[in-house]
Amino acid sequence: MSCIRTVLLAATASLIVLDPAAGATGDVASASDPRVVIADFAVDPTLPHGNSAVFFTRGSAAAFQYEPATAARFTSDTRGSLRTTYDSTAPTSRFFSTFPGGFTQDDDFVLGAVLTIRPEGFAADPFGFHPISFSLFNASTTGDDRTGDPSDFAADTFDTLELSYFPNESPFFGGPFLSFDVFGQQVAPDAFASFTFATVPVELEPGITYLVEMEHSALARTLTCQVSRIRSDGAAIPQPGGPVVVDLSGLSGFLVDSLGVSAYHDGFNIFSSSGRSLYAVVDYDLLYSGPKVGGELPGELARALKKFVKRTSRLVPVEPPLQ
């Protein structure tokens, strides 16, 4: 996708989100703060529902499928989920909602998701390295080339905060790895010129439902992250290896204004023994982001997260991350 086309698509997205006369789509909770996005996929996120924001696709719509009949996975869950296909050989595609104002390094905010990797068809090539991801990013400045390729290693995914789960188990460097990644604003042609992360060797087991929580602190210049396994009664049990803290003190600033699921193309599939670094189908049952003001979440977001009966009340680091 050319830069011009990316900007035009982003401008169209902003108009759809901000123009009340256009109608709203997606199962995103109506919020007093327009920066709050809560999608539980109880209804089709691509159809009009009250005053909600819009979810739409950049790239291939085939990568995302709303499934209304997906059974509830825990006591307080609703039926329905967003089925996402991560195929590293396919073009980069995003399913996202853009919100006005956005967040910068000077804001306190949270993002997270409830997700389940389907066991069927799951394949992570041991000679590949490719993520299952959801992200806060910028609809105008964030490009779709995260990996580069053998002829050009530069990435263009500026202004991005995301979960990156690398399920590949390499004979050389181990795995799987759970990584929390932050790309800053553009300071050079390659997005990795302004990049920081923290990684832990953790496996997200196919067939198991997880809650991923991330919280940005403007004062501390950190992104604190926790992954919990969700039991059938809704109890969210923190997994070993976390909370994980990403130090953002050396990063350039950022501006993110879109929450979504990111299915990236891998420019290095050729090094995988199968010719594909990753194939995975993932169900999302919750996707959310929003500000923290005075240390508190907006009421609608706090209520959405109360369904997890044993979740951690604060994300406090208990061990240093692997760098």
C-alpha atoms as a PDB file:
ATOM      1  CA  MET A   1       0.000   0.000   0.000  1.00  0.00           C
ATOM      2  CA  SER A   2       1.407   3.367  -0.950  1.00  0.00           C
ATOM      3  CA  CYS A   3       1.793   6.150   1.602  1.00  0.00           C
ATOM      4  CA  ILE A   4      -0.825   8.218  -0.242  1.00  0.00           C
ATOM      5  CA  ARG A   5      -3.357   5.415  -0.145  1.00  0.00           C
ATOM      6  CA  THR A   6      -2.668   4.855   3.570  1.00  0.00           C
ATOM      7  CA  VAL A   7      -3.314   8.519   4.355  1.00  0.00           C
ATOM      8  CA  LEU A   8      -6.524   8.547   2.298  1.00  0.00           C
ATOM      9  CA  LEU A   9      -7.818   5.450   4.061  1.00  0.00           C
ATOM     10  CA  ALA A  10      -6.966   6.925   7.448  1.00  0.00           C
ATOM     11  CA  ALA A  11      -8.758  10.178   6.584  1.00  0.00           C
ATOM     12  CA  THR A  12     -11.840   8.232   5.512  1.00  0.00           C
ATOM     13  CA  ALA A  13     -11.749   6.275   8.776  1.00  0.00           C
ATOM     14  CA  SER A  14     -11.617   9.475  10.812  1.00  0.00           C
ATOM     15  CA  LEU A  15     -14.589  10.908   8.964  1.00  0.00           C
ATOM     16  CA  ILE A  16     -16.632   7.783   9.567  1.00  0.00           C
ATOM     17  CA  VAL A  17     -15.846   7.764  13.262  1.00  0.00           C
ATOM     18  CA  LEU A  18     -16.373  11.442  13.953  1.00  0.00           C
ATOM     19  CA  ASP A  19     -19.394  12.208  11.756  1.00  0.00           C
ATOM     20  CA  PRO A  20     -22.574  11.376  13.770  1.00  0.00           C
ATOM     21  CA  ALA A  21     -24.706  11.656  10.662  1.00  0.00           C
ATOM     22  CA  ALA A  22     -22.829   8.779   9.081  1.00  0.00           C
ATOM     23  CA  GLY A  23     -24.132   6.327  11.664  1.00  0.00           C
ATOM     24  CA  ALA A  24     -21.964   4.139  13.879  1.00  0.00           C
ATOM     25  CA  THR A  25     -20.962   0.538  13.552  1.00  0.00           C
ATOM     26  CA  GLY A  26     -19.420  -2.198  15.617  1.00  0.00           C
ATOM     27  CA  ASP A  27     -20.191  -3.592  19.063  1.00  0.00           C
ATOM     28  CA  VAL A  28     -18.278  -0.859  20.853  1.00  0.00           C
ATOM     29  CA  ALA A  29     -19.779   0.420  24.080  1.00  0.00           C
ATOM     30  CA  SER A  30     -21.071   4.004  24.002  1.00  0.00           C
ATOM     31  CA  ALA A  31     -18.713   6.017  26.155  1.00  0.00           C
ATOM     32  CA  SER A  32     -18.667   9.430  27.816  1.00  0.00           C
ATOM     33  CA  ASP A  33     -14.989   9.749  26.877  1.00  0.00           C
ATOM     34  CA  PRO A  34     -14.660   9.230  23.098  1.00  0.00           C
ATOM     35  CA  ARG A  35     -11.264   7.616  23.616  1.00  0.00           C
ATOM     36  CA  VAL A  36     -12.877   4.598  25.289  1.00  0.00           C
ATOM     37  CA  VAL A  37     -13.271   1.603  22.974  1.00  0.00           C
ATOM     38  CA  ILE A  38     -14.855  -1.611  24.287  1.00  0.00           C
ATOM     39  CA  ALA A  39     -15.701  -4.434  21.887  1.00  0.00           C
ATOM     40  CA  ASP A  40     -17.094  -7.687  23.308  1.00  0.00           C
ATOM     41  CA  PHE A  41     -18.350  -8.974  19.929  1.00  0.00           C
ATOM     42  CA  ALA A  42     -21.810  -9.783  21.239  1.00  0.00           C
ATOM     43  CA  VAL A  43     -23.074  -8.202  17.998  1.00  0.00           C
ATOM     44  CA  ASP A  44     -21.521  -7.710  14.574  1.00  0.00           C
ATOM     45  CA  PRO A  45     -18.819  -5.022  14.912  1.00  0.00           C
ATOM     46  CA  THR A  46     -19.244  -3.973  11.268  1.00  0.00           C
ATOM     47  CA  LEU A  47     -22.960  -3.043  11.522  1.00  0.00           C
ATOM     48  CA  PRO A  48     -24.629   0.066  13.038  1.00  0.00           C
ATOM     49  CA  HIS A  49     -25.241  -0.083  16.805  1.00  0.00           C
ATOM     50  CA  GLY A  50     -26.299   3.134  18.524  1.00  0.00           C
ATOM     51  CA  ASN A  51     -23.622   5.797  18.803  1.00  0.00           C
ATOM     52  CA  SER A  52     -20.700   3.392  18.750  1.00  0.00           C
ATOM     53  CA  ALA A  53     -17.449   3.901  16.844  1.00  0.00           C
ATOM     54  CA  VAL A  54     -16.765   1.999  13.652  1.00  0.00           C
ATOM     55  CA  PHE A  55     -14.644  -1.090  13.117  1.00  0.00           C
ATOM     56  CA  PHE A  56     -13.424  -1.641   9.595  1.00  0.00           C
ATOM     57  CA  THR A  57     -10.666  -3.396   7.702  1.00  0.00           C
ATOM     58  CA  ARG A  58      -7.464  -2.164   6.119  1.00  0.00           C
ATOM     59  CA  GLY A  59      -6.114  -4.885   3.879  1.00  0.00           C
ATOM     60  CA  SER A  60      -7.927  -8.192   3.378  1.00  0.00           C
ATOM     61  CA  ALA A  61     -11.392  -8.576   4.891  1.00  0.00           C
ATOM     62  CA  ALA A  62     -10.948 -12.354   4.633  1.00  0.00           C
ATOM     63  CA  ALA A  63      -8.596 -12.258   7.615  1.00  0.00           C
ATOM     64  CA  PHE A  64     -11.435 -11.250   9.963  1.00  0.00           C
ATOM     65  CA  GLN A  65     -14.769 -12.974  10.433  1.00  0.00           C
ATOM     66  CA  TYR A  66     -17.477 -12.182  12.954  1.00  0.00           C
ATOM     67  CA  GLU A  67     -18.909 -15.393  14.394  1.00  0.00           C
ATOM     68  CA  PRO A  68     -22.114 -14.733  16.389  1.00  0.00           C
ATOM     69  CA  ALA A  69     -22.591 -18.351  17.460  1.00  0.00           C
ATOM     70  CA  THR A  70     -19.269 -18.822  19.230  1.00  0.00           C
ATOM     71  CA  ALA A  71     -20.074 -20.249  22.664  1.00  0.00           C
ATOM     72  CA  ALA A  72     -19.322 -18.267  25.813  1.00  0.00           C
ATOM     73  CA  ARG A  73     -15.928 -19.332  27.189  1.00  0.00           C
ATOM     74  CA  PHE A  74     -16.503 -18.331  30.817  1.00  0.00           C
ATOM     75  CA  THR A  75     -19.404 -17.468  33.083  1.00  0.00           C
ATOM     76  CA  SER A  76     -19.729 -13.760  32.301  1.00  0.00           C
ATOM     77  CA  ASP A  77     -18.754 -14.018  28.627  1.00  0.00           C
ATOM     78  CA  THR A  78     -21.228 -13.354  25.831  1.00  0.00           C
ATOM     79  CA  ARG A  79     -21.726 -15.446  22.710  1.00  0.00           C
ATOM     80  CA  GLY A  80     -19.877 -14.240  19.649  1.00  0.00           C
ATOM     81  CA  SER A  81     -16.250 -13.541  18.801  1.00  0.00           C
ATOM     82  CA  LEU A  82     -13.988 -12.047  16.168  1.00  0.00           C
ATOM     83  CA  ARG A  83     -12.180 -14.829  14.327  1.00  0.00           C
ATOM     84  CA  THR A  84      -8.788 -13.635  13.060  1.00  0.00           C
ATOM     85  CA  THR A  85      -6.553 -15.590  10.694  1.00  0.00           C
ATOM     86  CA  TYR A  86      -2.833 -14.932  11.048  1.00  0.00           C
ATOM     87  CA  ASP A  87      -1.190 -16.174   7.853  1.00  0.00           C
ATOM     88  CA  SER A  88       2.337 -14.837   7.525  1.00  0.00           C
ATOM     89  CA  THR A  89       2.233 -15.287   3.733  1.00  0.00           C
ATOM     90  CA  ALA A  90      -0.828 -13.019   3.365  1.00  0.00           C
ATOM     91  CA  PRO A  91      -0.658  -9.218   3.015  1.00  0.00           C
ATOM     92  CA  THR A  92      -0.786  -7.213   6.247  1.00  0.00           C
ATOM     93  CA  SER A  93      -4.381  -6.598   7.338  1.00  0.00           C
ATOM     94  CA  ARG A  94      -5.883  -4.674  10.248  1.00  0.00           C
ATOM     95  CA  PHE A  95      -9.318  -4.663  11.877  1.00  0.00           C
ATOM     96  CA  PHE A  96      -9.625  -1.500  13.925  1.00  0.00           C
ATOM     97  CA  SER A  97     -11.506   1.477  15.287  1.00  0.00           C
ATOM     98  CA  THR A  98     -10.085   5.017  15.238  1.00  0.00           C
ATOM     99  CA  PHE A  99     -10.900   7.376  18.117  1.00  0.00           C
ATOM    100  CA  PRO A 100     -10.484  11.169  18.342  1.00  0.00           C
ATOM    101  CA  GLY A 101      -7.636  12.733  20.283  1.00  0.00           C
ATOM    102  CA  GLY A 102      -5.560   9.611  20.692  1.00  0.00           C
ATOM    103  CA  PHE A 103      -2.945   8.936  23.367  1.00  0.00           C
ATOM    104  CA  THR A 104       0.645  10.180  23.635  1.00  0.00           C
ATOM    105  CA  GLN A 105       3.525   9.517  26.002  1.00  0.00           C
ATOM    106  CA  ASP A 106       1.974  12.166  28.288  1.00  0.00           C
ATOM    107  CA  ASP A 107      -1.248  10.177  28.855  1.00  0.00           C
ATOM    108  CA  ASP A 108      -2.122   7.383  31.249  1.00  0.00           C
ATOM    109  CA  PHE A 109      -4.114   4.682  29.459  1.00  0.00           C
ATOM    110  CA  VAL A 110      -4.819   0.969  29.226  1.00  0.00           C
ATOM    111  CA  LEU A 111      -5.392  -1.570  26.487  1.00  0.00           C
ATOM    112  CA  GLY A 112      -6.054  -5.266  26.459  1.00  0.00           C
ATOM    113  CA  ALA A 113      -7.831  -8.257  25.012  1.00  0.00           C
ATOM    114  CA  VAL A 114      -9.330 -11.653  25.747  1.00  0.00           C
ATOM    115  CA  LEU A 115      -8.147 -14.171  23.175  1.00  0.00           C
ATOM    116  CA  THR A 116      -8.023 -17.894  22.435  1.00  0.00           C
ATOM    117  CA  ILE A 117      -5.755 -19.566  19.873  1.00  0.00           C
ATOM    118  CA  ARG A 118      -7.655 -22.325  18.083  1.00  0.00           C
ATOM    119  CA  PRO A 119      -5.788 -25.652  18.049  1.00  0.00           C
ATOM    120  CA  GLU A 120      -7.101 -26.570  14.584  1.00  0.00           C
ATOM    121  CA  GLY A 121      -4.591 -25.817  11.845  1.00  0.00           C
ATOM    122  CA  PHE A 122      -2.195 -24.077  14.204  1.00  0.00           C
ATOM    123  CA  ALA A 123       1.342 -24.168  12.784  1.00  0.00           C
ATOM    124  CA  ALA A 124       4.375 -22.168  13.950  1.00  0.00           C
ATOM    125  CA  ASP A 125       7.419 -23.052  11.867  1.00  0.00           C
ATOM    126  CA  PRO A 126      10.519 -23.584  14.057  1.00  0.00           C
ATOM    127  CA  PHE A 127      12.632 -21.688  11.509  1.00  0.00           C
ATOM    128  CA  GLY A 128      10.222 -18.747  11.408  1.00  0.00           C
ATOM    129  CA  PHE A 129       9.610 -15.889  13.827  1.00  0.00           C
ATOM    130  CA  HIS A 130       6.253 -14.153  13.494  1.00  0.00           C
ATOM    131  CA  PRO A 131       3.725 -12.659  15.934  1.00  0.00           C
ATOM    132  CA  ILE A 132       0.087 -12.934  16.879  1.00  0.00           C
ATOM    133  CA  SER A 133      -0.667  -9.265  17.617  1.00  0.00           C
ATOM    134  CA  PHE A 134      -3.176  -6.682  18.701  1.00  0.00           C
ATOM    135  CA  SER A 135      -2.224  -3.016  18.786  1.00  0.00           C
ATOM    136  CA  LEU A 136      -2.769   0.611  19.517  1.00  0.00           C
ATOM    137  CA  PHE A 137      -1.408   2.434  16.464  1.00  0.00           C
ATOM    138  CA  ASN A 138      -1.760   5.577  14.383  1.00  0.00           C
ATOM    139  CA  ALA A 139      -4.101   5.364  11.378  1.00  0.00           C
ATOM    140  CA  SER A 140      -2.050   7.966   9.483  1.00  0.00           C
ATOM    141  CA  THR A 141       1.599   7.340  10.404  1.00  0.00           C
ATOM    142  CA  THR A 142       1.710   3.584  11.048  1.00  0.00           C
ATOM    143  CA  GLY A 143       2.576   1.560   7.972  1.00  0.00           C
ATOM    144  CA  ASP A 144       1.966  -2.133   7.355  1.00  0.00           C
ATOM    145  CA  ASP A 145       5.537  -3.384   6.859  1.00  0.00           C
ATOM    146  CA  ARG A 146       6.655  -4.615  10.274  1.00  0.00           C
ATOM    147  CA  THR A 147       9.365  -7.046   9.194  1.00  0.00           C
ATOM    148  CA  GLY A 148      11.063  -5.672   6.129  1.00  0.00           C
ATOM    149  CA  ASP A 149      12.426  -8.243   3.674  1.00  0.00           C
ATOM    150  CA  PRO A 150      15.824  -9.452   2.380  1.00  0.00           C
ATOM    151  CA  SER A 151      16.053  -6.555  -0.076  1.00  0.00           C
ATOM    152  CA  ASP A 152      15.048  -3.860   2.460  1.00  0.00           C
ATOM    153  CA  PHE A 153      15.163  -4.492   6.191  1.00  0.00           C
ATOM    154  CA  ALA A 154      13.410  -1.230   7.162  1.00  0.00           C
ATOM    155  CA  ALA A 155      10.021  -1.369   8.906  1.00  0.00           C
ATOM    156  CA  ASP A 156       7.457   1.437   8.780  1.00  0.00           C
ATOM    157  CA  THR A 157       5.246   0.597  11.789  1.00  0.00           C
ATOM    158  CA  PHE A 158       5.819   3.913  13.572  1.00  0.00           C
ATOM    159  CA  ASP A 159       3.611   4.903  16.546  1.00  0.00           C
ATOM    160  CA  THR A 160       2.621   1.412  17.699  1.00  0.00           C
ATOM    161  CA  LEU A 161       2.093  -0.256  21.086  1.00  0.00           C
ATOM    162  CA  GLU A 162       1.297  -3.941  20.887  1.00  0.00           C
ATOM    163  CA  LEU A 163       1.259  -7.427  22.233  1.00  0.00           C
ATOM    164  CA  SER A 164       3.435  -9.646  20.052  1.00  0.00           C
ATOM    165  CA  TYR A 165       3.211 -13.347  20.818  1.00  0.00           C
ATOM    166  CA  PHE A 166       5.815 -15.381  18.941  1.00  0.00           C
ATOM    167  CA  PRO A 167       4.734 -19.046  19.196  1.00  0.00           C
ATOM    168  CA  ASN A 168       7.681 -20.385  17.169  1.00  0.00           C
ATOM    169  CA  GLU A 169      10.008 -22.782  19.006  1.00  0.00           C
ATOM    170  CA  SER A 170      13.424 -22.374  17.424  1.00  0.00           C
ATOM    171  CA  PRO A 171      16.218 -24.963  17.735  1.00  0.00           C
ATOM    172  CA  PHE A 172      18.604 -21.985  17.915  1.00  0.00           C
ATOM    173  CA  PHE A 173      17.035 -19.458  20.307  1.00  0.00           C
ATOM    174  CA  GLY A 174      14.161 -21.309  21.986  1.00  0.00           C
ATOM    175  CA  GLY A 175      10.644 -19.987  22.474  1.00  0.00           C
ATOM    176  CA  PRO A 176       7.763 -19.372  22.512  1.00  0.00           C
ATOM    177  CA  PHE A 177       8.131 -15.724  23.522  1.00  0.00           C
ATOM    178  CA  LEU A 178       5.645 -13.159  24.763  1.00  0.00           C
ATOM    179  CA  SER A 179       6.795  -9.660  23.826  1.00  0.00           C
ATOM    180  CA  PHE A 180       5.381  -6.218  24.574  1.00  0.00           C
ATOM    181  CA  ASP A 181       6.628  -3.826  21.907  1.00  0.00           C
ATOM    182  CA  VAL A 182       6.571  -0.053  21.468  1.00  0.00           C
ATOM    183  CA  PHE A 183       7.563   1.827  18.306  1.00  0.00           C
ATOM    184  CA  GLY A 184       7.952   5.592  18.702  1.00  0.00           C
ATOM    185  CA  GLN A 185       7.351   8.407  16.265  1.00  0.00           C
ATOM    186  CA  GLN A 186       9.414   8.436  13.102  1.00  0.00           C
ATOM    187  CA  VAL A 187      13.005   9.584  13.620  1.00  0.00           C
ATOM    188  CA  ALA A 188      14.537   7.612  10.731  1.00  0.00           C
ATOM    189  CA  PRO A 189      13.349   5.562   7.748  1.00  0.00           C
ATOM    190  CA  ASP A 190      13.320   2.380   9.883  1.00  0.00           C
ATOM    191  CA  ALA A 191      10.738   2.153  12.685  1.00  0.00           C
ATOM    192  CA  PHE A 192      13.181   0.071  14.738  1.00  0.00           C
ATOM    193  CA  ALA A 193      15.323   3.200  15.125  1.00  0.00           C
ATOM    194  CA  SER A 194      12.883   4.242  17.861  1.00  0.00           C
ATOM    195  CA  PHE A 195      11.834   0.972  19.476  1.00  0.00           C
ATOM    196  CA  THR A 196      11.781  -0.711  22.867  1.00  0.00           C
ATOM    197  CA  PHE A 197      10.383  -3.947  24.228  1.00  0.00           C
ATOM    198  CA  ALA A 198      10.352  -6.497  27.037  1.00  0.00           C
ATOM    199  CA  THR A 199      10.105 -10.235  26.435  1.00  0.00           C
ATOM    200  CA  VAL A 200       9.478 -13.321  28.558  1.00  0.00           C
ATOM    201  CA  PRO A 201       9.532 -17.000  27.535  1.00  0.00           C
ATOM    202  CA  VAL A 202       5.829 -17.805  27.979  1.00  0.00           C
ATOM    203  CA  GLU A 203       3.539 -20.113  25.993  1.00  0.00           C
ATOM    204  CA  LEU A 204      -0.083 -19.238  25.217  1.00  0.00           C
ATOM    205  CA  GLU A 205      -1.560 -22.707  24.884  1.00  0.00           C
ATOM    206  CA  PRO A 206      -3.993 -23.282  22.007  1.00  0.00           C
ATOM    207  CA  GLY A 207      -7.498 -23.877  23.301  1.00  0.00           C
ATOM    208  CA  ILE A 208      -6.906 -21.849  26.491  1.00  0.00           C
ATOM    209  CA  THR A 209      -8.465 -18.400  26.966  1.00  0.00           C
ATOM    210  CA  TYR A 210      -6.226 -15.549  28.165  1.00  0.00           C
ATOM    211  CA  LEU A 211      -6.683 -11.986  29.364  1.00  0.00           C
ATOM    212  CA  VAL A 212      -3.881  -9.622  28.316  1.00  0.00           C
ATOM    213  CA  GLU A 213      -3.673  -6.291  30.194  1.00  0.00           C
ATOM    214  CA  MET A 214      -1.342  -3.377  29.438  1.00  0.00           C
ATOM    215  CA  GLU A 215      -1.124  -0.081  31.321  1.00  0.00           C
ATOM    216  CA  HIS A 216       0.883   2.984  30.292  1.00  0.00           C
ATOM    217  CA  SER A 217       2.173   5.367  32.970  1.00  0.00           C
ATOM    218  CA  ALA A 218       3.157   8.821  31.722  1.00  0.00           C
ATOM    219  CA  LEU A 219       4.997   9.704  34.934  1.00  0.00           C
ATOM    220  CA  ALA A 220       7.009   6.486  35.154  1.00  0.00           C
ATOM    221  CA  ARG A 221       7.470   6.242  31.367  1.00  0.00           C
ATOM    222  CA  THR A 222       6.584   2.546  31.498  1.00  0.00           C
ATOM    223  CA  LEU A 223       4.206   0.063  29.944  1.00  0.00           C
ATOM    224  CA  THR A 224       3.277  -2.606  32.505  1.00  0.00           C
ATOM    225  CA  CYS A 225       1.819  -5.849  31.172  1.00  0.00           C
ATOM    226  CA  GLN A 226       0.153  -8.930  32.630  1.00  0.00           C
ATOM    227  CA  VAL A 227      -1.204 -12.119  31.055  1.00  0.00           C
ATOM    228  CA  SER A 228      -3.784 -14.178  32.957  1.00  0.00           C
ATOM    229  CA  ARG A 229      -5.400 -17.503  32.190  1.00  0.00           C
ATOM    230  CA  ILE A 230      -9.202 -17.324  32.390  1.00  0.00           C
ATOM    231  CA  ARG A 231     -11.010 -20.227  34.035  1.00  0.00           C
ATOM    232  CA  SER A 232     -14.579 -21.213  33.155  1.00  0.00           C
ATOM    233  CA  ASP A 233     -15.862 -19.311  36.221  1.00  0.00           C
ATOM    234  CA  GLY A 234     -14.264 -16.091  34.962  1.00  0.00           C
ATOM    235  CA  ALA A 235     -11.339 -16.148  37.373  1.00  0.00           C
ATOM    236  CA  ALA A 236      -8.270 -14.554  35.723  1.00  0.00           C
ATOM    237  CA  ILE A 237      -5.180 -16.290  37.123  1.00  0.00           C
ATOM    238  CA  PRO A 238      -1.889 -14.404  36.451  1.00  0.00           C
ATOM    239  CA  GLN A 239       0.641 -16.474  34.545  1.00  0.00           C
ATOM    240  CA  PRO A 240       4.305 -16.934  35.510  1.00  0.00           C
ATOM    241  CA  GLY A 241       6.751 -14.444  34.026  1.00  0.00           C
ATOM    242  CA  GLY A 242       4.856 -11.262  34.813  1.00  0.00           C
ATOM    243  CA  PRO A 243       3.950  -8.525  35.329  1.00  0.00           C
ATOM    244  CA  VAL A 244       6.397  -7.361  32.686  1.00  0.00           C
ATOM    245  CA  VAL A 245       7.598  -3.750  32.523  1.00  0.00           C
ATOM    246  CA  VAL A 246       8.730  -2.007  29.337  1.00  0.00           C
ATOM    247  CA  ASP A 247      10.996   0.990  29.978  1.00  0.00           C
ATOM    248  CA  LEU A 248      10.024   3.815  27.594  1.00  0.00           C
ATOM    249  CA  SER A 249      12.404   6.446  28.979  1.00  0.00           C
ATOM    250  CA  GLY A 250      14.708   6.313  25.958  1.00  0.00           C
ATOM    251  CA  LEU A 251      11.966   6.269  23.358  1.00  0.00           C
ATOM    252  CA  SER A 252      10.885   9.127  21.138  1.00  0.00           C
ATOM    253  CA  GLY A 253       7.301  10.293  21.622  1.00  0.00           C
ATOM    254  CA  PHE A 254       4.323   8.554  20.078  1.00  0.00           C
ATOM    255  CA  LEU A 255       0.716   9.236  19.086  1.00  0.00           C
ATOM    256  CA  VAL A 256      -1.733   6.341  18.820  1.00  0.00           C
ATOM    257  CA  ASP A 257      -5.353   6.846  17.770  1.00  0.00           C
ATOM    258  CA  SER A 258      -6.584   3.391  16.709  1.00  0.00           C
ATOM    259  CA  LEU A 259      -7.245   0.119  18.514  1.00  0.00           C
ATOM    260  CA  GLY A 260      -7.268  -3.067  16.528  1.00  0.00           C
ATOM    261  CA  VAL A 261      -6.068  -6.519  15.624  1.00  0.00           C
ATOM    262  CA  SER A 262      -2.984  -6.575  13.406  1.00  0.00           C
ATOM    263  CA  ALA A 263      -2.252  -9.554  11.143  1.00  0.00           C
ATOM    264  CA  TYR A 264       1.163  -8.880   9.620  1.00  0.00           C
ATOM    265  CA  HIS A 265       2.835 -10.175   6.477  1.00  0.00           C
ATOM    266  CA  ASP A 266       6.282 -11.686   7.054  1.00  0.00           C
ATOM    267  CA  GLY A 267       8.946 -10.644   4.582  1.00  0.00           C
ATOM    268  CA  PHE A 268      11.109 -13.594   5.669  1.00  0.00           C
ATOM    269  CA  ASN A 269       8.823 -16.585   5.056  1.00  0.00           C
ATOM    270  CA  ILE A 270      11.491 -17.932   2.705  1.00  0.00           C
ATOM    271  CA  PHE A 271      13.641 -18.957   5.671  1.00  0.00           C
ATOM    272  CA  SER A 272      10.896 -21.163   7.128  1.00  0.00           C
ATOM    273  CA  SER A 273      11.146 -24.852   6.284  1.00  0.00           C
ATOM    274  CA  SER A 274       7.446 -24.920   5.354  1.00  0.00           C
ATOM    275  CA  GLY A 275       7.509 -21.617   3.458  1.00  0.00           C
ATOM    276  CA  ARG A 276       5.209 -20.034   6.061  1.00  0.00           C
ATOM    277  CA  SER A 277       6.392 -18.656   9.415  1.00  0.00           C
ATOM    278  CA  LEU A 278       2.983 -18.823  11.071  1.00  0.00           C
ATOM    279  CA  TYR A 279      -0.576 -19.932  10.548  1.00  0.00           C
ATOM    280  CA  ALA A 280      -2.976 -19.417  13.437  1.00  0.00           C
ATOM    281  CA  VAL A 281      -6.676 -18.740  13.917  1.00  0.00           C
ATOM    282  CA  VAL A 282      -7.441 -16.682  17.024  1.00  0.00           C
ATOM    283  CA  ASP A 283     -10.799 -15.813  18.591  1.00  0.00           C
ATOM    284  CA  TYR A 284     -11.118 -12.423  20.287  1.00  0.00           C
ATOM    285  CA  ASP A 285     -13.881 -12.127  22.893  1.00  0.00           C
ATOM    286  CA  LEU A 286     -12.886  -8.695  24.193  1.00  0.00           C
ATOM    287  CA  LEU A 287     -10.817  -5.816  22.865  1.00  0.00           C
ATOM    288  CA  TYR A 288     -10.534  -2.575  24.819  1.00  0.00           C
ATOM    289  CA  SER A 289      -8.612   0.640  25.408  1.00  0.00           C
ATOM    290  CA  GLY A 290      -9.218   3.837  27.310  1.00  0.00           C
ATOM    291  CA  PRO A 291      -7.698   6.593  29.465  1.00  0.00           C
ATOM    292  CA  LYS A 292      -6.937   6.610  33.166  1.00  0.00           C
ATOM    293  CA  VAL A 293      -7.787   9.934  34.770  1.00  0.00           C
ATOM    294  CA  GLY A 294      -6.710  10.578  38.348  1.00  0.00           C
ATOM    295  CA  GLY A 295      -5.714   6.937  38.561  1.00  0.00           C
ATOM    296  CA  GLU A 296      -9.214   5.735  37.689  1.00  0.00           C
ATOM    297  CA  LEU A 297     -10.711   4.066  34.637  1.00  0.00           C
ATOM    298  CA  PRO A 298     -13.881   5.426  33.029  1.00  0.00           C
ATOM    299  CA  GLY A 299     -16.931   3.739  34.541  1.00  0.00           C
ATOM    300  CA  GLU A 300     -17.898   1.783  31.435  1.00  0.00           C
ATOM    301  CA  LEU A 301     -14.403   0.342  31.095  1.00  0.00           C
ATOM    302  CA  ALA A 302     -14.155  -0.520  34.790  1.00  0.00           C
ATOM    303  CA  ARG A 303     -17.479  -2.348  34.534  1.00  0.00           C
ATOM    304  CA  ALA A 304     -16.326  -4.295  31.479  1.00  0.00           C
ATOM    305  CA  LEU A 305     -13.264  -5.569  33.366  1.00  0.00           C
ATOM    306  CA  LYS A 306     -15.143  -6.472  36.569  1.00  0.00           C
ATOM    307  CA  LYS A 307     -16.367  -9.661  34.902  1.00  0.00           C
ATOM    308  CA  PHE A 308     -12.989 -11.215  35.800  1.00  0.00           C
ATOM    309  CA  VAL A 309     -13.483 -12.185  39.423  1.00  0.00           C
ATOM    310  CA  LYS A 310      -9.845 -12.742  40.446  1.00  0.00           C
ATOM    311  CA  ARG A 311      -7.917 -10.364  38.211  1.00  0.00           C
ATOM    312  CA  THR A 312      -5.064  -8.298  39.622  1.00  0.00           C
ATOM    313  CA  SER A 313      -6.273  -4.905  40.823  1.00  0.00           C
ATOM    314  CA  ARG A 314      -2.971  -3.209  39.990  1.00  0.00           C
ATOM    315  CA  LEU A 315      -0.187  -4.219  37.661  1.00  0.00           C
ATOM    316  CA  VAL A 316       2.894  -4.282  39.882  1.00  0.00           C
ATOM    317  CA  PRO A 317       6.160  -5.737  38.536  1.00  0.00           C
ATOM    318  CA  VAL A 318       7.473  -8.707  40.462  1.00  0.00           C
ATOM    319  CA  GLU A 319      10.577  -9.510  38.401  1.00  0.00           C
ATOM    320  CA  PRO A 320      12.649  -7.768  35.737  1.00  0.00           C
ATOM    321  CA  PRO A 321      11.860  -8.544  32.114  1.00  0.00           C
ATOM    322  CA  LEU A 322      14.286 -10.170  29.726  1.00  0.00           C
ATOM    323  CA  GLN A 323      15.827  -7.635  27.371  1.00  0.00           C
END
